[in-house]
């Protein structure tokens, strides 16, 4: 006689339950996260600014050297900014060094020298010569500056062309530390400053030519 057939319930006949397949939801979630990451990367790239050129410099009240920066892709002068030197040495060191070479060395904050005494003994005026000849270019380039002139700042305007900014070139001197020639400029806004000859040749060549013409000695034929 065959053994009795067991009465299996529905749960027992189907075995273990099959888990819900959520692979599609995981895939969709991963795609959304990837899109978010791509958007963050794009935002980071948009926030990167590249230095195109150093145009000028100035000093903060605490003595920090500030460099006038033109940013790549921003041609409006209003977009130019003054940045601390240390902020540019990592990403734009070559441009900073190129600017320093054009200036005849790293700009230094001028130190206020002692004023000349107003109560000192009066000097006897020398006998004037019958005819005063113009100083030669060599004499003008090597004469010693007054103490007040030695304290002049390195201020320069932001414009690329200085022909309409410079009132006159007062003199040309050789820097005792760097042996480079420095021009002492008188600006139309009343300021005075000293700038390397290389920069003057680039920014105001006509003013330099006029200075040389005024200091050349012409021989009569």
C-alpha atoms as a PDB file:
ATOM      1  CA  UNK A   1       0.000   0.000   0.000  1.00  0.00           C
ATOM      2  CA  UNK A   2       1.584   3.340  -1.046  1.00  0.00           C
ATOM      3  CA  UNK A   3       2.370   5.922   1.616  1.00  0.00           C
ATOM      4  CA  UNK A   4      -0.194   8.664   2.100  1.00  0.00           C
ATOM      5  CA  UNK A   5       0.350  11.857   0.107  1.00  0.00           C
ATOM      6  CA  UNK A   6       1.248  14.813   2.340  1.00  0.00           C
ATOM      7  CA  UNK A   7      -0.952  17.875   2.024  1.00  0.00           C
ATOM      8  CA  UNK A   8       1.503  20.670   1.125  1.00  0.00           C
ATOM      9  CA  UNK A   9       0.463  24.271   1.749  1.00  0.00           C
ATOM     10  CA  UNK A  10       1.011  26.981  -0.845  1.00  0.00           C
ATOM     11  CA  UNK A  11       4.004  28.406   1.035  1.00  0.00           C
ATOM     12  CA  UNK A  12       5.696  25.072   1.331  1.00  0.00           C
ATOM     13  CA  UNK A  13       5.162  24.219  -2.311  1.00  0.00           C
ATOM     14  CA  UNK A  14       6.796  27.421  -3.572  1.00  0.00           C
ATOM     15  CA  UNK A  15       9.955  27.199  -1.479  1.00  0.00           C
ATOM     16  CA  UNK A  16      11.854  30.332  -0.299  1.00  0.00           C
ATOM     17  CA  UNK A  17      10.549  33.732  -1.370  1.00  0.00           C
ATOM     18  CA  UNK A  18      12.376  35.463  -4.242  1.00  0.00           C
ATOM     19  CA  UNK A  19      13.791  38.915  -3.265  1.00  0.00           C
ATOM     20  CA  UNK A  20      12.621  42.029  -5.174  1.00  0.00           C
ATOM     21  CA  UNK A  21      14.999  42.946  -8.001  1.00  0.00           C
ATOM     22  CA  UNK A  22      16.117  46.562  -7.277  1.00  0.00           C
ATOM     23  CA  UNK A  23      19.049  46.599  -9.732  1.00  0.00           C
ATOM     24  CA  UNK A  24      17.284  49.170 -11.905  1.00  0.00           C
ATOM     25  CA  UNK A  25      16.845  51.563  -8.964  1.00  0.00           C
ATOM     26  CA  UNK A  26      20.546  51.218  -8.046  1.00  0.00           C
ATOM     27  CA  UNK A  27      21.531  52.015 -11.635  1.00  0.00           C
ATOM     28  CA  UNK A  28      19.301  55.103 -11.734  1.00  0.00           C
ATOM     29  CA  UNK A  29      20.675  56.320  -8.400  1.00  0.00           C
ATOM     30  CA  UNK A  30      24.280  55.873  -9.593  1.00  0.00           C
ATOM     31  CA  UNK A  31      23.578  57.831 -12.769  1.00  0.00           C
ATOM     32  CA  UNK A  32      22.119  60.725 -10.757  1.00  0.00           C
ATOM     33  CA  UNK A  33      25.190  60.813  -8.489  1.00  0.00           C
ATOM     34  CA  UNK A  34      27.479  60.848 -11.543  1.00  0.00           C
ATOM     35  CA  UNK A  35      25.567  63.811 -13.005  1.00  0.00           C
ATOM     36  CA  UNK A  36      25.894  65.699  -9.703  1.00  0.00           C
ATOM     37  CA  UNK A  37      29.653  65.040  -9.656  1.00  0.00           C
ATOM     38  CA  UNK A  38      29.996  66.253 -13.261  1.00  0.00           C
ATOM     39  CA  UNK A  39      28.177  69.478 -12.383  1.00  0.00           C
ATOM     40  CA  UNK A  40      30.484  70.057  -9.394  1.00  0.00           C
ATOM     41  CA  UNK A  41      33.576  69.562 -11.595  1.00  0.00           C
ATOM     42  CA  UNK A  42      32.239  72.032 -14.160  1.00  0.00           C
ATOM     43  CA  UNK A  43      31.627  74.603 -11.406  1.00  0.00           C
ATOM     44  CA  UNK A  44      35.176  74.137 -10.110  1.00  0.00           C
ATOM     45  CA  UNK A  45      36.632  74.623 -13.591  1.00  0.00           C
ATOM     46  CA  UNK A  46      34.628  77.812 -14.096  1.00  0.00           C
ATOM     47  CA  UNK A  47      36.156  79.276 -10.904  1.00  0.00           C
ATOM     48  CA  UNK A  48      39.759  78.988 -12.152  1.00  0.00           C
ATOM     49  CA  UNK A  49      41.358  82.281 -13.270  1.00  0.00           C
ATOM     50  CA  UNK A  50      44.599  82.461 -15.263  1.00  0.00           C
ATOM     51  CA  UNK A  51      47.055  85.353 -15.007  1.00  0.00           C
ATOM     52  CA  UNK A  52      47.839  86.821 -18.443  1.00  0.00           C
ATOM     53  CA  UNK A  53      50.190  89.683 -17.526  1.00  0.00           C
ATOM     54  CA  UNK A  54      51.480  91.831 -14.660  1.00  0.00           C
ATOM     55  CA  UNK A  55      50.802  95.496 -15.502  1.00  0.00           C
ATOM     56  CA  UNK A  56      52.001  97.416 -12.463  1.00  0.00           C
ATOM     57  CA  UNK A  57      52.482  97.390  -8.722  1.00  0.00           C
ATOM     58  CA  UNK A  58      51.905  99.290  -5.509  1.00  0.00           C
ATOM     59  CA  UNK A  59      52.463  98.844  -1.790  1.00  0.00           C
ATOM     60  CA  UNK A  60      49.877  98.327   0.929  1.00  0.00           C
ATOM     61  CA  UNK A  61      50.077 100.341   4.152  1.00  0.00           C
ATOM     62  CA  UNK A  62      51.645  97.350   5.914  1.00  0.00           C
ATOM     63  CA  UNK A  63      54.398  97.157   3.282  1.00  0.00           C
ATOM     64  CA  UNK A  64      52.968  94.216   1.301  1.00  0.00           C
ATOM     65  CA  UNK A  65      53.882  94.320  -2.393  1.00  0.00           C
ATOM     66  CA  UNK A  66      50.727  94.338  -4.530  1.00  0.00           C
ATOM     67  CA  UNK A  67      50.849  93.432  -8.226  1.00  0.00           C
ATOM     68  CA  UNK A  68      48.337  94.690 -10.782  1.00  0.00           C
ATOM     69  CA  UNK A  69      47.019  91.604 -12.619  1.00  0.00           C
ATOM     70  CA  UNK A  70      45.310  91.302 -15.997  1.00  0.00           C
ATOM     71  CA  UNK A  71      43.362  88.050 -16.100  1.00  0.00           C
ATOM     72  CA  UNK A  72      43.220  85.932 -19.236  1.00  0.00           C
ATOM     73  CA  UNK A  73      39.927  86.375 -21.042  1.00  0.00           C
ATOM     74  CA  UNK A  74      39.073  89.606 -19.197  1.00  0.00           C
ATOM     75  CA  UNK A  75      39.974  92.647 -21.323  1.00  0.00           C
ATOM     76  CA  UNK A  76      37.992  95.244 -19.382  1.00  0.00           C
ATOM     77  CA  UNK A  77      40.396  97.332 -17.223  1.00  0.00           C
ATOM     78  CA  UNK A  78      37.745  97.234 -14.500  1.00  0.00           C
ATOM     79  CA  UNK A  79      38.430  93.494 -14.130  1.00  0.00           C
ATOM     80  CA  UNK A  80      42.092  94.067 -13.270  1.00  0.00           C
ATOM     81  CA  UNK A  81      42.916  93.463  -9.607  1.00  0.00           C
ATOM     82  CA  UNK A  82      45.723  94.157  -7.156  1.00  0.00           C
ATOM     83  CA  UNK A  83      46.992  90.855  -5.750  1.00  0.00           C
ATOM     84  CA  UNK A  84      49.581  90.196  -3.012  1.00  0.00           C
ATOM     85  CA  UNK A  85      52.872  88.985  -4.425  1.00  0.00           C
ATOM     86  CA  UNK A  86      52.775  85.711  -2.473  1.00  0.00           C
ATOM     87  CA  UNK A  87      49.443  84.747  -4.080  1.00  0.00           C
ATOM     88  CA  UNK A  88      51.029  84.771  -7.560  1.00  0.00           C
ATOM     89  CA  UNK A  89      54.361  83.046  -6.919  1.00  0.00           C
ATOM     90  CA  UNK A  90      52.875  79.558  -7.163  1.00  0.00           C
ATOM     91  CA  UNK A  91      50.795  79.772 -10.346  1.00  0.00           C
ATOM     92  CA  UNK A  92      52.340  82.738 -12.171  1.00  0.00           C
ATOM     93  CA  UNK A  93      55.960  82.833 -10.993  1.00  0.00           C
ATOM     94  CA  UNK A  94      57.368  83.227 -14.530  1.00  0.00           C
ATOM     95  CA  UNK A  95      55.187  86.280 -15.235  1.00  0.00           C
ATOM     96  CA  UNK A  96      56.128  87.836 -11.893  1.00  0.00           C
ATOM     97  CA  UNK A  97      59.855  87.356 -12.566  1.00  0.00           C
ATOM     98  CA  UNK A  98      59.447  88.752 -16.102  1.00  0.00           C
ATOM     99  CA  UNK A  99      57.834  91.890 -14.655  1.00  0.00           C
ATOM    100  CA  UNK A 100      60.641  92.245 -12.097  1.00  0.00           C
ATOM    101  CA  UNK A 101      63.235  92.062 -14.876  1.00  0.00           C
ATOM    102  CA  UNK A 102      61.435  94.827 -16.764  1.00  0.00           C
ATOM    103  CA  UNK A 103      61.477  96.939 -13.595  1.00  0.00           C
ATOM    104  CA  UNK A 104      65.199  96.405 -13.074  1.00  0.00           C
ATOM    105  CA  UNK A 105      64.612  94.189 -10.048  1.00  0.00           C
ATOM    106  CA  UNK A 106      61.973  93.477  -7.428  1.00  0.00           C
ATOM    107  CA  UNK A 107      60.312  96.763  -6.395  1.00  0.00           C
ATOM    108  CA  UNK A 108      61.194  97.943  -2.905  1.00  0.00           C
ATOM    109  CA  UNK A 109      59.062 100.060  -0.641  1.00  0.00           C
ATOM    110  CA  UNK A 110      60.691 103.490  -0.418  1.00  0.00           C
ATOM    111  CA  UNK A 111      62.097 104.466   2.951  1.00  0.00           C
ATOM    112  CA  UNK A 112      61.655 108.002   4.128  1.00  0.00           C
ATOM    113  CA  UNK A 113      65.088 109.624   4.397  1.00  0.00           C
ATOM    114  CA  UNK A 114      66.110 112.480   6.626  1.00  0.00           C
ATOM    115  CA  UNK A 115      65.074 115.888   5.424  1.00  0.00           C
ATOM    116  CA  UNK A 116      67.809 118.365   4.685  1.00  0.00           C
ATOM    117  CA  UNK A 117      68.440 120.791   7.488  1.00  0.00           C
ATOM    118  CA  UNK A 118      67.024 124.243   6.797  1.00  0.00           C
ATOM    119  CA  UNK A 119      69.321 125.893   9.359  1.00  0.00           C
ATOM    120  CA  UNK A 120      72.682 124.760   7.985  1.00  0.00           C
ATOM    121  CA  UNK A 121      75.407 127.152   6.912  1.00  0.00           C
ATOM    122  CA  UNK A 122      74.802 128.890   3.632  1.00  0.00           C
ATOM    123  CA  UNK A 123      77.117 127.940   0.830  1.00  0.00           C
ATOM    124  CA  UNK A 124      78.952 130.600  -1.089  1.00  0.00           C
ATOM    125  CA  UNK A 125      77.548 130.735  -4.620  1.00  0.00           C
ATOM    126  CA  UNK A 126      80.022 129.715  -7.251  1.00  0.00           C
ATOM    127  CA  UNK A 127      81.027 132.114  -9.974  1.00  0.00           C
ATOM    128  CA  UNK A 128      78.736 131.585 -12.925  1.00  0.00           C
ATOM    129  CA  UNK A 129      80.278 130.578 -16.204  1.00  0.00           C
ATOM    130  CA  UNK A 130      79.884 132.874 -19.228  1.00  0.00           C
ATOM    131  CA  UNK A 131      78.002 130.169 -21.117  1.00  0.00           C
ATOM    132  CA  UNK A 132      76.208 127.183 -19.640  1.00  0.00           C
ATOM    133  CA  UNK A 133      76.321 124.123 -21.823  1.00  0.00           C
ATOM    134  CA  UNK A 134      73.748 121.389 -21.726  1.00  0.00           C
ATOM    135  CA  UNK A 135      74.524 118.251 -19.810  1.00  0.00           C
ATOM    136  CA  UNK A 136      75.491 115.315 -21.926  1.00  0.00           C
ATOM    137  CA  UNK A 137      73.524 112.093 -21.772  1.00  0.00           C
ATOM    138  CA  UNK A 138      76.315 110.391 -19.818  1.00  0.00           C
ATOM    139  CA  UNK A 139      76.404 113.167 -17.204  1.00  0.00           C
ATOM    140  CA  UNK A 140      72.650 113.113 -16.781  1.00  0.00           C
ATOM    141  CA  UNK A 141      72.670 109.349 -16.337  1.00  0.00           C
ATOM    142  CA  UNK A 142      75.310 109.301 -13.608  1.00  0.00           C
ATOM    143  CA  UNK A 143      74.585 112.367 -11.468  1.00  0.00           C
ATOM    144  CA  UNK A 144      73.700 111.752  -7.815  1.00  0.00           C
ATOM    145  CA  UNK A 145      70.025 112.226  -6.862  1.00  0.00           C
ATOM    146  CA  UNK A 146      68.896 114.390  -3.971  1.00  0.00           C
ATOM    147  CA  UNK A 147      67.697 112.619  -0.841  1.00  0.00           C
ATOM    148  CA  UNK A 148      64.105 113.552  -1.642  1.00  0.00           C
ATOM    149  CA  UNK A 149      64.437 112.055  -5.140  1.00  0.00           C
ATOM    150  CA  UNK A 150      65.927 108.857  -3.723  1.00  0.00           C
ATOM    151  CA  UNK A 151      62.757 108.357  -1.669  1.00  0.00           C
ATOM    152  CA  UNK A 152      60.430 108.535  -4.658  1.00  0.00           C
ATOM    153  CA  UNK A 153      57.877 105.687  -4.875  1.00  0.00           C
ATOM    154  CA  UNK A 154      57.604 103.212  -7.743  1.00  0.00           C
ATOM    155  CA  UNK A 155      54.037 104.304  -8.578  1.00  0.00           C
ATOM    156  CA  UNK A 156      52.952 103.850 -12.200  1.00  0.00           C
ATOM    157  CA  UNK A 157      49.556 104.297 -13.926  1.00  0.00           C
ATOM    158  CA  UNK A 158      47.511 101.358 -15.148  1.00  0.00           C
ATOM    159  CA  UNK A 159      47.379 102.508 -18.781  1.00  0.00           C
ATOM    160  CA  UNK A 160      49.580 100.796 -21.376  1.00  0.00           C
ATOM    161  CA  UNK A 161      50.647 104.066 -23.020  1.00  0.00           C
ATOM    162  CA  UNK A 162      52.140 106.760 -20.791  1.00  0.00           C
ATOM    163  CA  UNK A 163      52.735 109.466 -23.408  1.00  0.00           C
ATOM    164  CA  UNK A 164      49.735 111.456 -22.163  1.00  0.00           C
ATOM    165  CA  UNK A 165      50.453 110.650 -18.510  1.00  0.00           C
ATOM    166  CA  UNK A 166      54.084 111.807 -18.217  1.00  0.00           C
ATOM    167  CA  UNK A 167      54.730 115.515 -17.754  1.00  0.00           C
ATOM    168  CA  UNK A 168      58.503 115.202 -18.139  1.00  0.00           C
ATOM    169  CA  UNK A 169      61.543 112.990 -17.589  1.00  0.00           C
ATOM    170  CA  UNK A 170      63.510 114.771 -14.862  1.00  0.00           C
ATOM    171  CA  UNK A 171      66.731 112.769 -14.987  1.00  0.00           C
ATOM    172  CA  UNK A 172      68.277 109.317 -15.495  1.00  0.00           C
ATOM    173  CA  UNK A 173      70.394 107.719 -12.771  1.00  0.00           C
ATOM    174  CA  UNK A 174      72.248 104.470 -12.256  1.00  0.00           C
ATOM    175  CA  UNK A 175      71.005 102.424  -9.298  1.00  0.00           C
ATOM    176  CA  UNK A 176      73.864 101.795  -6.889  1.00  0.00           C
ATOM    177  CA  UNK A 177      72.591  98.330  -5.902  1.00  0.00           C
ATOM    178  CA  UNK A 178      71.557  96.859  -9.257  1.00  0.00           C
ATOM    179  CA  UNK A 179      73.669  99.042 -11.632  1.00  0.00           C
ATOM    180  CA  UNK A 180      70.565  99.486 -13.803  1.00  0.00           C
ATOM    181  CA  UNK A 181      69.539 102.843 -15.256  1.00  0.00           C
ATOM    182  CA  UNK A 182      66.450 104.381 -13.676  1.00  0.00           C
ATOM    183  CA  UNK A 183      64.368 107.258 -15.079  1.00  0.00           C
ATOM    184  CA  UNK A 184      62.817 109.769 -12.691  1.00  0.00           C
ATOM    185  CA  UNK A 185      59.401 110.721 -14.067  1.00  0.00           C
ATOM    186  CA  UNK A 186      57.169 113.688 -13.271  1.00  0.00           C
ATOM    187  CA  UNK A 187      53.503 112.824 -13.897  1.00  0.00           C
ATOM    188  CA  UNK A 188      50.748 115.225 -14.934  1.00  0.00           C
ATOM    189  CA  UNK A 189      48.789 114.344 -11.778  1.00  0.00           C
ATOM    190  CA  UNK A 190      51.603 115.842  -9.701  1.00  0.00           C
ATOM    191  CA  UNK A 191      53.168 112.556  -8.612  1.00  0.00           C
ATOM    192  CA  UNK A 192      56.794 111.599  -9.094  1.00  0.00           C
ATOM    193  CA  UNK A 193      58.278 108.121  -9.369  1.00  0.00           C
ATOM    194  CA  UNK A 194      61.262 106.173 -10.645  1.00  0.00           C
ATOM    195  CA  UNK A 195      60.939 103.544 -13.388  1.00  0.00           C
ATOM    196  CA  UNK A 196      63.414 101.345 -15.258  1.00  0.00           C
ATOM    197  CA  UNK A 197      64.536 102.554 -18.694  1.00  0.00           C
ATOM    198  CA  UNK A 198      63.254  99.384 -20.354  1.00  0.00           C
ATOM    199  CA  UNK A 199      59.739 100.176 -19.155  1.00  0.00           C
ATOM    200  CA  UNK A 200      60.022 103.833 -20.229  1.00  0.00           C
ATOM    201  CA  UNK A 201      61.164 102.838 -23.721  1.00  0.00           C
ATOM    202  CA  UNK A 202      58.048 100.691 -24.002  1.00  0.00           C
ATOM    203  CA  UNK A 203      55.505 102.995 -22.347  1.00  0.00           C
ATOM    204  CA  UNK A 204      56.683 106.525 -23.254  1.00  0.00           C
ATOM    205  CA  UNK A 205      59.380 106.428 -25.993  1.00  0.00           C
ATOM    206  CA  UNK A 206      58.668 109.992 -27.201  1.00  0.00           C
ATOM    207  CA  UNK A 207      59.218 111.443 -23.739  1.00  0.00           C
ATOM    208  CA  UNK A 208      62.550 109.624 -23.544  1.00  0.00           C
ATOM    209  CA  UNK A 209      63.567 110.959 -26.981  1.00  0.00           C
ATOM    210  CA  UNK A 210      62.690 114.491 -25.913  1.00  0.00           C
ATOM    211  CA  UNK A 211      64.822 114.092 -22.781  1.00  0.00           C
ATOM    212  CA  UNK A 212      67.843 112.983 -24.807  1.00  0.00           C
ATOM    213  CA  UNK A 213      67.415 115.833 -27.290  1.00  0.00           C
ATOM    214  CA  UNK A 214      67.365 118.362 -24.458  1.00  0.00           C
ATOM    215  CA  UNK A 215      70.549 116.959 -22.913  1.00  0.00           C
ATOM    216  CA  UNK A 216      72.648 116.414 -26.028  1.00  0.00           C
ATOM    217  CA  UNK A 217      75.532 118.780 -26.756  1.00  0.00           C
ATOM    218  CA  UNK A 218      75.603 119.955 -30.359  1.00  0.00           C
ATOM    219  CA  UNK A 219      78.866 121.187 -31.828  1.00  0.00           C
ATOM    220  CA  UNK A 220      78.777 124.196 -34.068  1.00  0.00           C
ATOM    221  CA  UNK A 221      80.027 123.570 -37.600  1.00  0.00           C
END
